[in-house]
């Protein structure tokens, strides 16, 4: 993971945390446990970082719901 990916992951975690009203460490752990952090946020960074905040948050929460961690 490079610096840009780390900053992007932090951005995603923070915004999902706000939307779900959960502490950031809880959201981080849910994303790690469901492999969303590595298999989606980091893996598709090049494409995802071009999208807006609202779309990203909705996509991540949708994946969390599908994987039973939302």
PDB file of N, CA and C in Angstrom:
ATOM      1  N   UNK A   1       0.851  -1.172   0.000  1.00  0.00           N
ATOM      2  CA  UNK A   1       0.000   0.000   0.000  1.00  0.00           C
ATOM      3  C   UNK A   1       0.896   1.234   0.000  1.00  0.00           C
ATOM      4  N   UNK A   2       0.648   2.132  -0.939  1.00  0.00           N
ATOM      5  CA  UNK A   2       1.439   3.358  -0.978  1.00  0.00           C
ATOM      6  C   UNK A   2       0.728   4.478  -0.206  1.00  0.00           C
ATOM      7  N   UNK A   3       1.365   5.618  -0.123  1.00  0.00           N
ATOM      8  CA  UNK A   3       0.840   6.740   0.650  1.00  0.00           C
ATOM      9  C   UNK A   3      -0.522   7.205   0.143  1.00  0.00           C
ATOM     10  N   UNK A   4      -0.682   7.287  -1.170  1.00  0.00           N
ATOM     11  CA  UNK A   4      -1.968   7.724  -1.728  1.00  0.00           C
ATOM     12  C   UNK A   4      -3.086   6.755  -1.372  1.00  0.00           C
ATOM     13  N   UNK A   5      -2.796   5.469  -1.451  1.00  0.00           N
ATOM     14  CA  UNK A   5      -3.803   4.466  -1.105  1.00  0.00           C
ATOM     15  C   UNK A   5      -4.149   4.532   0.382  1.00  0.00           C
ATOM     16  N   UNK A   6      -3.147   4.763   1.207  1.00  0.00           N
ATOM     17  CA  UNK A   6      -3.379   4.879   2.646  1.00  0.00           C
ATOM     18  C   UNK A   6      -4.265   6.084   2.958  1.00  0.00           C
ATOM     19  N   UNK A   7      -3.965   7.218   2.342  1.00  0.00           N
ATOM     20  CA  UNK A   7      -4.785   8.415   2.545  1.00  0.00           C
ATOM     21  C   UNK A   7      -6.210   8.201   2.056  1.00  0.00           C
ATOM     22  N   UNK A   8      -6.350   7.515   0.939  1.00  0.00           N
ATOM     23  CA  UNK A   8      -7.678   7.231   0.388  1.00  0.00           C
ATOM     24  C   UNK A   8      -8.454   6.290   1.313  1.00  0.00           C
ATOM     25  N   UNK A   9      -7.795   5.261   1.805  1.00  0.00           N
ATOM     26  CA  UNK A   9      -8.441   4.328   2.734  1.00  0.00           C
ATOM     27  C   UNK A   9      -8.900   5.061   3.989  1.00  0.00           C
ATOM     28  N   UNK A  10      -8.069   5.949   4.492  1.00  0.00           N
ATOM     29  CA  UNK A  10      -8.418   6.746   5.672  1.00  0.00           C
ATOM     30  C   UNK A  10      -9.625   7.636   5.384  1.00  0.00           C
ATOM     31  N   UNK A  11      -9.636   8.240   4.225  1.00  0.00           N
ATOM     32  CA  UNK A  11     -10.769   9.068   3.789  1.00  0.00           C
ATOM     33  C   UNK A  11     -12.053   8.240   3.754  1.00  0.00           C
ATOM     34  N   UNK A  12     -11.981   7.052   3.165  1.00  0.00           N
ATOM     35  CA  UNK A  12     -13.155   6.178   3.063  1.00  0.00           C
ATOM     36  C   UNK A  12     -13.640   5.749   4.442  1.00  0.00           C
ATOM     37  N   UNK A  13     -12.735   5.328   5.285  1.00  0.00           N
ATOM     38  CA  UNK A  13     -13.093   4.888   6.632  1.00  0.00           C
ATOM     39  C   UNK A  13     -13.760   6.017   7.401  1.00  0.00           C
ATOM     40  N   UNK A  14     -13.194   7.201   7.334  1.00  0.00           N
ATOM     41  CA  UNK A  14     -13.749   8.350   8.042  1.00  0.00           C
ATOM     42  C   UNK A  14     -15.151   8.698   7.584  1.00  0.00           C
ATOM     43  N   UNK A  15     -15.374   8.673   6.297  1.00  0.00           N
ATOM     44  CA  UNK A  15     -16.687   9.043   5.761  1.00  0.00           C
ATOM     45  C   UNK A  15     -17.743   7.966   5.989  1.00  0.00           C
ATOM     46  N   UNK A  16     -17.349   6.703   5.899  1.00  0.00           N
ATOM     47  CA  UNK A  16     -18.285   5.619   6.209  1.00  0.00           C
ATOM     48  C   UNK A  16     -18.625   5.663   7.696  1.00  0.00           C
ATOM     49  N   UNK A  17     -17.648   5.953   8.507  1.00  0.00           N
ATOM     50  CA  UNK A  17     -17.853   6.078   9.948  1.00  0.00           C
ATOM     51  C   UNK A  17     -18.899   7.145  10.259  1.00  0.00           C
ATOM     52  N   UNK A  18     -18.790   8.286   9.619  1.00  0.00           N
ATOM     53  CA  UNK A  18     -19.757   9.373   9.825  1.00  0.00           C
ATOM     54  C   UNK A  18     -21.154   8.957   9.372  1.00  0.00           C
ATOM     55  N   UNK A  19     -21.225   8.308   8.235  1.00  0.00           N
ATOM     56  CA  UNK A  19     -22.527   7.912   7.687  1.00  0.00           C
ATOM     57  C   UNK A  19     -23.218   6.862   8.549  1.00  0.00           C
ATOM     58  N   UNK A  20     -22.449   5.918   9.093  1.00  0.00           N
ATOM     59  CA  UNK A  20     -23.018   4.846   9.904  1.00  0.00           C
ATOM     60  C   UNK A  20     -23.072   5.181  11.390  1.00  0.00           C
ATOM     61  N   UNK A  21     -22.528   6.331  11.759  1.00  0.00           N
ATOM     62  CA  UNK A  21     -22.478   6.756  13.170  1.00  0.00           C
ATOM     63  C   UNK A  21     -21.771   5.705  14.031  1.00  0.00           C
ATOM     64  N   UNK A  22     -20.640   5.231  13.513  1.00  0.00           N
ATOM     65  CA  UNK A  22     -19.811   4.258  14.221  1.00  0.00           C
ATOM     66  C   UNK A  22     -18.407   4.833  14.377  1.00  0.00           C
ATOM     67  N   UNK A  23     -17.692   4.441  15.424  1.00  0.00           N
ATOM     68  CA  UNK A  23     -16.304   4.888  15.572  1.00  0.00           C
ATOM     69  C   UNK A  23     -15.434   4.365  14.419  1.00  0.00           C
ATOM     70  N   UNK A  24     -14.461   5.140  14.030  1.00  0.00           N
ATOM     71  CA  UNK A  24     -13.588   4.761  12.928  1.00  0.00           C
ATOM     72  C   UNK A  24     -12.891   3.418  13.146  1.00  0.00           C
ATOM     73  N   UNK A  25     -12.402   3.109  14.365  1.00  0.00           N
ATOM     74  CA  UNK A  25     -11.770   1.796  14.545  1.00  0.00           C
ATOM     75  C   UNK A  25     -12.730   0.628  14.296  1.00  0.00           C
ATOM     76  N   UNK A  26     -14.008   0.823  14.607  1.00  0.00           N
ATOM     77  CA  UNK A  26     -15.006  -0.220  14.359  1.00  0.00           C
ATOM     78  C   UNK A  26     -15.205  -0.413  12.857  1.00  0.00           C
ATOM     79  N   UNK A  27     -15.324   0.676  12.131  1.00  0.00           N
ATOM     80  CA  UNK A  27     -15.480   0.606  10.676  1.00  0.00           C
ATOM     81  C   UNK A  27     -14.239  -0.027  10.052  1.00  0.00           C
ATOM     82  N   UNK A  28     -13.068   0.391  10.483  1.00  0.00           N
ATOM     83  CA  UNK A  28     -11.825  -0.186   9.971  1.00  0.00           C
ATOM     84  C   UNK A  28     -11.831  -1.707  10.147  1.00  0.00           C
ATOM     85  N   UNK A  29     -12.175  -2.179  11.334  1.00  0.00           N
ATOM     86  CA  UNK A  29     -12.151  -3.612  11.604  1.00  0.00           C
ATOM     87  C   UNK A  29     -13.170  -4.356  10.746  1.00  0.00           C
ATOM     88  N   UNK A  30     -14.339  -3.760  10.547  1.00  0.00           N
ATOM     89  CA  UNK A  30     -15.361  -4.375   9.696  1.00  0.00           C
ATOM     90  C   UNK A  30     -14.866  -4.483   8.255  1.00  0.00           C
ATOM     91  N   UNK A  31     -14.171  -3.443   7.778  1.00  0.00           N
ATOM     92  CA  UNK A  31     -13.648  -3.462   6.410  1.00  0.00           C
ATOM     93  C   UNK A  31     -12.522  -4.481   6.257  1.00  0.00           C
ATOM     94  N   UNK A  32     -11.713  -4.628   7.280  1.00  0.00           N
ATOM     95  CA  UNK A  32     -10.635  -5.631   7.251  1.00  0.00           C
ATOM     96  C   UNK A  32     -11.233  -7.035   7.298  1.00  0.00           C
ATOM     97  N   UNK A  33     -12.147  -7.268   8.244  1.00  0.00           N
ATOM     98  CA  UNK A  33     -12.739  -8.594   8.430  1.00  0.00           C
ATOM     99  C   UNK A  33     -13.496  -9.073   7.192  1.00  0.00           C
ATOM    100  N   UNK A  34     -14.090  -8.151   6.455  1.00  0.00           N
ATOM    101  CA  UNK A  34     -14.868  -8.506   5.263  1.00  0.00           C
ATOM    102  C   UNK A  34     -14.032  -8.449   3.983  1.00  0.00           C
ATOM    103  N   UNK A  35     -12.757  -8.130   4.109  1.00  0.00           N
ATOM    104  CA  UNK A  35     -11.819  -7.995   2.977  1.00  0.00           C
ATOM    105  C   UNK A  35     -12.165  -6.840   2.041  1.00  0.00           C
ATOM    106  N   UNK A  36     -13.062  -5.964   2.441  1.00  0.00           N
ATOM    107  CA  UNK A  36     -13.412  -4.817   1.601  1.00  0.00           C
ATOM    108  C   UNK A  36     -12.231  -3.849   1.508  1.00  0.00           C
ATOM    109  N   UNK A  37     -11.485  -3.714   2.581  1.00  0.00           N
ATOM    110  CA  UNK A  37     -10.366  -2.769   2.562  1.00  0.00           C
ATOM    111  C   UNK A  37      -9.356  -3.150   1.481  1.00  0.00           C
ATOM    112  N   UNK A  38      -8.907  -4.388   1.491  1.00  0.00           N
ATOM    113  CA  UNK A  38      -7.888  -4.801   0.523  1.00  0.00           C
ATOM    114  C   UNK A  38      -8.461  -5.147  -0.843  1.00  0.00           C
ATOM    115  N   UNK A  39      -9.576  -5.879  -0.864  1.00  0.00           N
ATOM    116  CA  UNK A  39     -10.111  -6.381  -2.129  1.00  0.00           C
ATOM    117  C   UNK A  39     -10.931  -5.369  -2.913  1.00  0.00           C
ATOM    118  N   UNK A  40     -11.264  -4.254  -2.303  1.00  0.00           N
ATOM    119  CA  UNK A  40     -12.037  -3.238  -3.011  1.00  0.00           C
ATOM    120  C   UNK A  40     -11.364  -1.873  -2.938  1.00  0.00           C
ATOM    121  N   UNK A  41     -11.235  -1.334  -1.749  1.00  0.00           N
ATOM    122  CA  UNK A  41     -10.726   0.032  -1.591  1.00  0.00           C
ATOM    123  C   UNK A  41      -9.289   0.166  -2.101  1.00  0.00           C
ATOM    124  N   UNK A  42      -8.418  -0.738  -1.686  1.00  0.00           N
ATOM    125  CA  UNK A  42      -7.016  -0.659  -2.110  1.00  0.00           C
ATOM    126  C   UNK A  42      -6.838  -1.181  -3.533  1.00  0.00           C
ATOM    127  N   UNK A  43      -7.427  -2.336  -3.818  1.00  0.00           N
ATOM    128  CA  UNK A  43      -7.247  -2.950  -5.135  1.00  0.00           C
ATOM    129  C   UNK A  43      -7.734  -2.060  -6.273  1.00  0.00           C
ATOM    130  N   UNK A  44      -8.841  -1.375  -6.065  1.00  0.00           N
ATOM    131  CA  UNK A  44      -9.411  -0.541  -7.130  1.00  0.00           C
ATOM    132  C   UNK A  44      -9.195   0.953  -6.887  1.00  0.00           C
ATOM    133  N   UNK A  45      -8.173   1.267  -6.131  1.00  0.00           N
ATOM    134  CA  UNK A  45      -7.862   2.671  -5.811  1.00  0.00           C
ATOM    135  C   UNK A  45      -7.791   3.538  -7.068  1.00  0.00           C
ATOM    136  N   UNK A  46      -7.081   3.072  -8.096  1.00  0.00           N
ATOM    137  CA  UNK A  46      -6.875   3.895  -9.292  1.00  0.00           C
ATOM    138  C   UNK A  46      -8.189   4.384  -9.893  1.00  0.00           C
ATOM    139  N   UNK A  47      -9.193   3.554  -9.865  1.00  0.00           N
ATOM    140  CA  UNK A  47     -10.499   3.949 -10.388  1.00  0.00           C
ATOM    141  C   UNK A  47     -11.340   4.666  -9.333  1.00  0.00           C
ATOM    142  N   UNK A  48     -11.382   4.111  -8.139  1.00  0.00           N
ATOM    143  CA  UNK A  48     -12.272   4.635  -7.105  1.00  0.00           C
ATOM    144  C   UNK A  48     -11.945   6.057  -6.668  1.00  0.00           C
ATOM    145  N   UNK A  49     -10.656   6.409  -6.648  1.00  0.00           N
ATOM    146  CA  UNK A  49     -10.327   7.741  -6.131  1.00  0.00           C
ATOM    147  C   UNK A  49     -10.810   8.869  -7.048  1.00  0.00           C
ATOM    148  N   UNK A  50     -11.309   8.504  -8.215  1.00  0.00           N
ATOM    149  CA  UNK A  50     -11.822   9.524  -9.134  1.00  0.00           C
ATOM    150  C   UNK A  50     -13.303   9.814  -8.898  1.00  0.00           C
ATOM    151  N   UNK A  51     -13.966   8.995  -8.070  1.00  0.00           N
ATOM    152  CA  UNK A  51     -15.394   9.168  -7.797  1.00  0.00           C
ATOM    153  C   UNK A  51     -15.621  10.114  -6.625  1.00  0.00           C
ATOM    154  N   UNK A  52     -16.827  10.594  -6.514  1.00  0.00           N
ATOM    155  CA  UNK A  52     -17.190  11.497  -5.437  1.00  0.00           C
ATOM    156  C   UNK A  52     -17.406  10.778  -4.114  1.00  0.00           C
ATOM    157  N   UNK A  53     -17.374  11.545  -3.041  1.00  0.00           N
ATOM    158  CA  UNK A  53     -17.516  11.016  -1.685  1.00  0.00           C
ATOM    159  C   UNK A  53     -18.820  10.245  -1.514  1.00  0.00           C
ATOM    160  N   UNK A  54     -19.922  10.820  -1.947  1.00  0.00           N
ATOM    161  CA  UNK A  54     -21.233  10.201  -1.752  1.00  0.00           C
ATOM    162  C   UNK A  54     -21.297   8.830  -2.419  1.00  0.00           C
ATOM    163  N   UNK A  55     -20.839   8.746  -3.656  1.00  0.00           N
ATOM    164  CA  UNK A  55     -20.847   7.469  -4.373  1.00  0.00           C
ATOM    165  C   UNK A  55     -19.983   6.438  -3.649  1.00  0.00           C
ATOM    166  N   UNK A  56     -18.796   6.832  -3.240  1.00  0.00           N
ATOM    167  CA  UNK A  56     -17.887   5.914  -2.549  1.00  0.00           C
ATOM    168  C   UNK A  56     -18.506   5.366  -1.275  1.00  0.00           C
ATOM    169  N   UNK A  57     -19.063   6.247  -0.472  1.00  0.00           N
ATOM    170  CA  UNK A  57     -19.667   5.832   0.792  1.00  0.00           C
ATOM    171  C   UNK A  57     -20.823   4.873   0.529  1.00  0.00           C
ATOM    172  N   UNK A  58     -21.675   5.192  -0.437  1.00  0.00           N
ATOM    173  CA  UNK A  58     -22.803   4.324  -0.763  1.00  0.00           C
ATOM    174  C   UNK A  58     -22.321   2.952  -1.240  1.00  0.00           C
ATOM    175  N   UNK A  59     -21.299   2.919  -2.080  1.00  0.00           N
ATOM    176  CA  UNK A  59     -20.749   1.657  -2.590  1.00  0.00           C
ATOM    177  C   UNK A  59     -20.166   0.811  -1.466  1.00  0.00           C
ATOM    178  N   UNK A  60     -19.405   1.440  -0.601  1.00  0.00           N
ATOM    179  CA  UNK A  60     -18.765   0.703   0.498  1.00  0.00           C
ATOM    180  C   UNK A  60     -19.828   0.159   1.450  1.00  0.00           C
ATOM    181  N   UNK A  61     -20.804   0.968   1.798  1.00  0.00           N
ATOM    182  CA  UNK A  61     -21.864   0.504   2.692  1.00  0.00           C
ATOM    183  C   UNK A  61     -22.668  -0.616   2.038  1.00  0.00           C
ATOM    184  N   UNK A  62     -22.894  -0.521   0.745  1.00  0.00           N
ATOM    185  CA  UNK A  62     -23.588  -1.584   0.024  1.00  0.00           C
ATOM    186  C   UNK A  62     -22.805  -2.899   0.099  1.00  0.00           C
ATOM    187  N   UNK A  63     -21.501  -2.829  -0.109  1.00  0.00           N
ATOM    188  CA  UNK A  63     -20.657  -4.019   0.016  1.00  0.00           C
ATOM    189  C   UNK A  63     -20.660  -4.558   1.441  1.00  0.00           C
ATOM    190  N   UNK A  64     -20.615  -3.665   2.400  1.00  0.00           N
ATOM    191  CA  UNK A  64     -20.655  -4.088   3.811  1.00  0.00           C
ATOM    192  C   UNK A  64     -21.959  -4.820   4.110  1.00  0.00           C
ATOM    193  N   UNK A  65     -23.055  -4.329   3.560  1.00  0.00           N
ATOM    194  CA  UNK A  65     -24.354  -4.966   3.749  1.00  0.00           C
ATOM    195  C   UNK A  65     -24.358  -6.351   3.112  1.00  0.00           C
ATOM    196  N   UNK A  66     -23.872  -6.437   1.867  1.00  0.00           N
ATOM    197  CA  UNK A  66     -23.802  -7.723   1.165  1.00  0.00           C
ATOM    198  C   UNK A  66     -22.979  -8.746   1.940  1.00  0.00           C
ATOM    199  N   UNK A  67     -21.930  -8.290   2.580  1.00  0.00           N
ATOM    200  CA  UNK A  67     -21.036  -9.204   3.289  1.00  0.00           C
ATOM    201  C   UNK A  67     -21.394  -9.365   4.774  1.00  0.00           C
ATOM    202  N   UNK A  68     -22.509  -8.747   5.167  1.00  0.00           N
ATOM    203  CA  UNK A  68     -23.040  -8.934   6.502  1.00  0.00           C
ATOM    204  C   UNK A  68     -22.299  -8.231   7.630  1.00  0.00           C
ATOM    205  N   UNK A  69     -21.628  -7.116   7.318  1.00  0.00           N
ATOM    206  CA  UNK A  69     -20.887  -6.396   8.357  1.00  0.00           C
ATOM    207  C   UNK A  69     -21.401  -4.973   8.585  1.00  0.00           C
ATOM    208  N   UNK A  70     -22.461  -4.593   7.874  1.00  0.00           N
ATOM    209  CA  UNK A  70     -23.008  -3.239   8.039  1.00  0.00           C
ATOM    210  C   UNK A  70     -23.989  -3.196   9.178  1.00  0.00           C
TER     211      UNK A  70
END
